[in-house]
Amino acid sequence: MLTINIVVLLAVIVFLRLRRRTEARSRFDEKVTVVIVLALGVLLAPTPVGQGIVQFLSQLAHGVSQSGQ
């Protein structure tokens, strides 16, 4: 249960950081955002929500590849 709380916290932090204007971000600020997003991905991947996202994206990719044939 602790993982979900950390994931929610990181998701809120990412959302707030990405709301800022692009011109107001420094290189360091962008690097910190990337590290936070990567940490969010690592924490989210093994959870049922993360597995659902992976399944949804794989079905979407399969549907797109089928429509191209």
N, C-alpha and C. Protein backbone atom coordinates (compact mmCIF):
# COMPACT_ATOMS: atom_id res chain seq x y z
N MET A 1 0.81 -1.19 0.00
CA MET A 1 0.00 0.00 0.00
C MET A 1 0.86 1.26 0.00
N LEU A 2 2.02 1.18 0.57
CA LEU A 2 2.92 2.33 0.61
C LEU A 2 3.34 2.74 -0.79
N THR A 3 3.53 1.79 -1.68
CA THR A 3 3.94 2.09 -3.05
C THR A 3 2.90 2.96 -3.76
N ILE A 4 1.64 2.66 -3.56
CA ILE A 4 0.59 3.44 -4.20
C ILE A 4 0.61 4.88 -3.71
N ASN A 5 0.83 5.09 -2.41
CA ASN A 5 0.87 6.44 -1.88
C ASN A 5 2.04 7.23 -2.45
N ILE A 6 3.18 6.59 -2.60
CA ILE A 6 4.34 7.25 -3.19
C ILE A 6 4.08 7.55 -4.66
N VAL A 7 3.43 6.63 -5.36
CA VAL A 7 3.10 6.84 -6.77
C VAL A 7 2.16 8.03 -6.93
N VAL A 8 1.17 8.10 -6.08
CA VAL A 8 0.23 9.23 -6.15
C VAL A 8 0.96 10.54 -5.87
N LEU A 9 1.81 10.55 -4.88
CA LEU A 9 2.58 11.75 -4.57
C LEU A 9 3.47 12.16 -5.74
N LEU A 10 4.18 11.20 -6.33
CA LEU A 10 5.03 11.53 -7.48
C LEU A 10 4.20 12.00 -8.67
N ALA A 11 3.03 11.40 -8.88
CA ALA A 11 2.18 11.83 -10.00
C ALA A 11 1.73 13.27 -9.80
N VAL A 12 1.39 13.64 -8.58
CA VAL A 12 0.99 15.02 -8.29
C VAL A 12 2.16 15.97 -8.52
N ILE A 13 3.35 15.57 -8.08
CA ILE A 13 4.54 16.40 -8.27
C ILE A 13 4.82 16.59 -9.75
N VAL A 14 4.74 15.52 -10.53
CA VAL A 14 4.97 15.63 -11.98
C VAL A 14 3.94 16.54 -12.61
N PHE A 15 2.68 16.37 -12.24
CA PHE A 15 1.63 17.21 -12.80
C PHE A 15 1.88 18.69 -12.50
N LEU A 16 2.24 18.98 -11.27
CA LEU A 16 2.49 20.38 -10.91
C LEU A 16 3.72 20.94 -11.62
N ARG A 17 4.76 20.10 -11.76
CA ARG A 17 5.97 20.58 -12.44
C ARG A 17 5.73 20.81 -13.93
N LEU A 18 4.91 19.98 -14.55
CA LEU A 18 4.66 20.12 -15.98
C LEU A 18 3.68 21.24 -16.31
N ARG A 19 2.97 21.74 -15.32
CA ARG A 19 2.05 22.85 -15.55
C ARG A 19 2.79 24.17 -15.76
N ARG A 20 4.03 24.23 -15.29
CA ARG A 20 4.80 25.47 -15.43
C ARG A 20 5.11 25.73 -16.90
N ARG A 21 5.31 26.99 -17.22
CA ARG A 21 5.65 27.34 -18.60
C ARG A 21 7.03 26.81 -18.94
N THR A 22 7.22 26.43 -20.18
CA THR A 22 8.49 25.86 -20.63
C THR A 22 9.62 26.87 -20.51
N GLU A 23 9.33 28.14 -20.77
CA GLU A 23 10.38 29.16 -20.73
C GLU A 23 10.94 29.34 -19.32
N ALA A 24 10.16 28.99 -18.30
CA ALA A 24 10.57 29.22 -16.92
C ALA A 24 11.44 28.09 -16.36
N ARG A 25 11.68 27.03 -17.16
CA ARG A 25 12.42 25.88 -16.67
C ARG A 25 13.90 25.97 -17.03
N SER A 26 14.73 25.63 -16.09
CA SER A 26 16.16 25.55 -16.36
C SER A 26 16.51 24.12 -16.75
N ARG A 27 17.75 23.90 -17.19
CA ARG A 27 18.19 22.55 -17.54
C ARG A 27 18.13 21.63 -16.33
N PHE A 28 18.56 22.14 -15.19
CA PHE A 28 18.53 21.34 -13.97
C PHE A 28 17.09 20.96 -13.62
N ASP A 29 16.18 21.89 -13.76
CA ASP A 29 14.77 21.65 -13.47
C ASP A 29 14.21 20.56 -14.38
N GLU A 30 14.59 20.57 -15.66
CA GLU A 30 14.13 19.55 -16.59
C GLU A 30 14.72 18.19 -16.23
N LYS A 31 15.99 18.16 -15.81
CA LYS A 31 16.61 16.89 -15.41
C LYS A 31 15.95 16.31 -14.18
N VAL A 32 15.60 17.16 -13.22
CA VAL A 32 14.92 16.69 -12.02
C VAL A 32 13.55 16.12 -12.38
N THR A 33 12.85 16.77 -13.29
CA THR A 33 11.55 16.26 -13.74
C THR A 33 11.69 14.90 -14.39
N VAL A 34 12.71 14.72 -15.20
CA VAL A 34 12.94 13.42 -15.85
C VAL A 34 13.22 12.35 -14.81
N VAL A 35 14.03 12.64 -13.81
CA VAL A 35 14.33 11.67 -12.76
C VAL A 35 13.06 11.31 -11.99
N ILE A 36 12.23 12.29 -11.69
CA ILE A 36 10.98 12.02 -10.97
C ILE A 36 10.05 11.15 -11.82
N VAL A 37 9.96 11.44 -13.10
CA VAL A 37 9.10 10.64 -13.99
C VAL A 37 9.62 9.21 -14.09
N LEU A 38 10.93 9.04 -14.18
CA LEU A 38 11.49 7.69 -14.21
C LEU A 38 11.20 6.93 -12.91
N ALA A 39 11.33 7.61 -11.77
CA ALA A 39 11.01 6.98 -10.49
C ALA A 39 9.54 6.59 -10.44
N LEU A 40 8.68 7.46 -10.95
CA LEU A 40 7.25 7.15 -11.01
C LEU A 40 7.00 5.91 -11.84
N GLY A 41 7.66 5.80 -12.99
CA GLY A 41 7.50 4.63 -13.84
C GLY A 41 7.97 3.35 -13.17
N VAL A 42 9.09 3.41 -12.47
CA VAL A 42 9.63 2.23 -11.79
C VAL A 42 8.69 1.79 -10.67
N LEU A 43 8.13 2.74 -9.94
CA LEU A 43 7.21 2.39 -8.86
C LEU A 43 5.85 1.93 -9.37
N LEU A 44 5.42 2.46 -10.50
CA LEU A 44 4.10 2.14 -11.03
C LEU A 44 4.08 0.81 -11.78
N ALA A 45 5.18 0.41 -12.38
CA ALA A 45 5.21 -0.76 -13.26
C ALA A 45 4.75 -2.06 -12.59
N PRO A 46 5.20 -2.40 -11.39
CA PRO A 46 4.78 -3.70 -10.83
C PRO A 46 3.38 -3.71 -10.20
N THR A 47 2.71 -2.59 -10.13
CA THR A 47 1.39 -2.53 -9.51
C THR A 47 0.32 -2.98 -10.51
N PRO A 48 -0.86 -3.35 -10.03
CA PRO A 48 -1.95 -3.72 -10.95
C PRO A 48 -2.32 -2.58 -11.91
N VAL A 49 -2.23 -1.35 -11.44
CA VAL A 49 -2.51 -0.20 -12.32
C VAL A 49 -1.47 -0.15 -13.44
N GLY A 50 -0.21 -0.33 -13.09
CA GLY A 50 0.85 -0.33 -14.10
C GLY A 50 0.69 -1.45 -15.10
N GLN A 51 0.31 -2.64 -14.62
CA GLN A 51 0.09 -3.77 -15.52
C GLN A 51 -1.09 -3.50 -16.45
N GLY A 52 -2.12 -2.84 -15.93
CA GLY A 52 -3.27 -2.47 -16.77
C GLY A 52 -2.88 -1.48 -17.85
N ILE A 53 -2.02 -0.53 -17.50
CA ILE A 53 -1.56 0.45 -18.50
C ILE A 53 -0.76 -0.25 -19.58
N VAL A 54 0.11 -1.19 -19.18
CA VAL A 54 0.91 -1.93 -20.16
C VAL A 54 0.01 -2.75 -21.08
N GLN A 55 -0.98 -3.42 -20.53
CA GLN A 55 -1.90 -4.21 -21.35
C GLN A 55 -2.68 -3.31 -22.31
N PHE A 56 -3.15 -2.17 -21.83
CA PHE A 56 -3.88 -1.24 -22.69
C PHE A 56 -3.01 -0.75 -23.84
N LEU A 57 -1.77 -0.36 -23.52
CA LEU A 57 -0.88 0.13 -24.56
C LEU A 57 -0.51 -0.96 -25.56
N SER A 58 -0.34 -2.19 -25.09
CA SER A 58 -0.02 -3.27 -26.02
C SER A 58 -1.20 -3.58 -26.92
N GLN A 59 -2.42 -3.54 -26.40
CA GLN A 59 -3.60 -3.73 -27.24
C GLN A 59 -3.75 -2.60 -28.25
N LEU A 60 -3.47 -1.39 -27.82
CA LEU A 60 -3.53 -0.24 -28.73
C LEU A 60 -2.50 -0.38 -29.84
N ALA A 61 -1.28 -0.77 -29.49
CA ALA A 61 -0.24 -0.95 -30.51
C ALA A 61 -0.59 -2.08 -31.45
N HIS A 62 -1.16 -3.16 -30.93
CA HIS A 62 -1.57 -4.28 -31.77
C HIS A 62 -2.67 -3.84 -32.74
N GLY A 63 -3.63 -3.06 -32.24
CA GLY A 63 -4.71 -2.57 -33.11
C GLY A 63 -4.20 -1.65 -34.19
N VAL A 64 -3.24 -0.80 -33.86
CA VAL A 64 -2.68 0.12 -34.86
C VAL A 64 -1.91 -0.67 -35.92
N SER A 65 -1.15 -1.68 -35.49
CA SER A 65 -0.38 -2.46 -36.46
C SER A 65 -1.31 -3.29 -37.35
N GLN A 66 -2.43 -3.75 -36.81
CA GLN A 66 -3.40 -4.51 -37.61
C GLN A 66 -4.10 -3.62 -38.63
N SER A 67 -4.36 -2.38 -38.27
CA SER A 67 -5.05 -1.47 -39.19
C SER A 67 -4.15 -1.06 -40.36
N GLY A 68 -2.83 -1.15 -40.18
CA GLY A 68 -1.90 -0.80 -41.25
C GLY A 68 -1.72 -1.89 -42.28
N GLN A 69 -2.24 -3.08 -41.99
CA GLN A 69 -2.06 -4.20 -42.93
C GLN A 69 -3.18 -4.33 -43.89
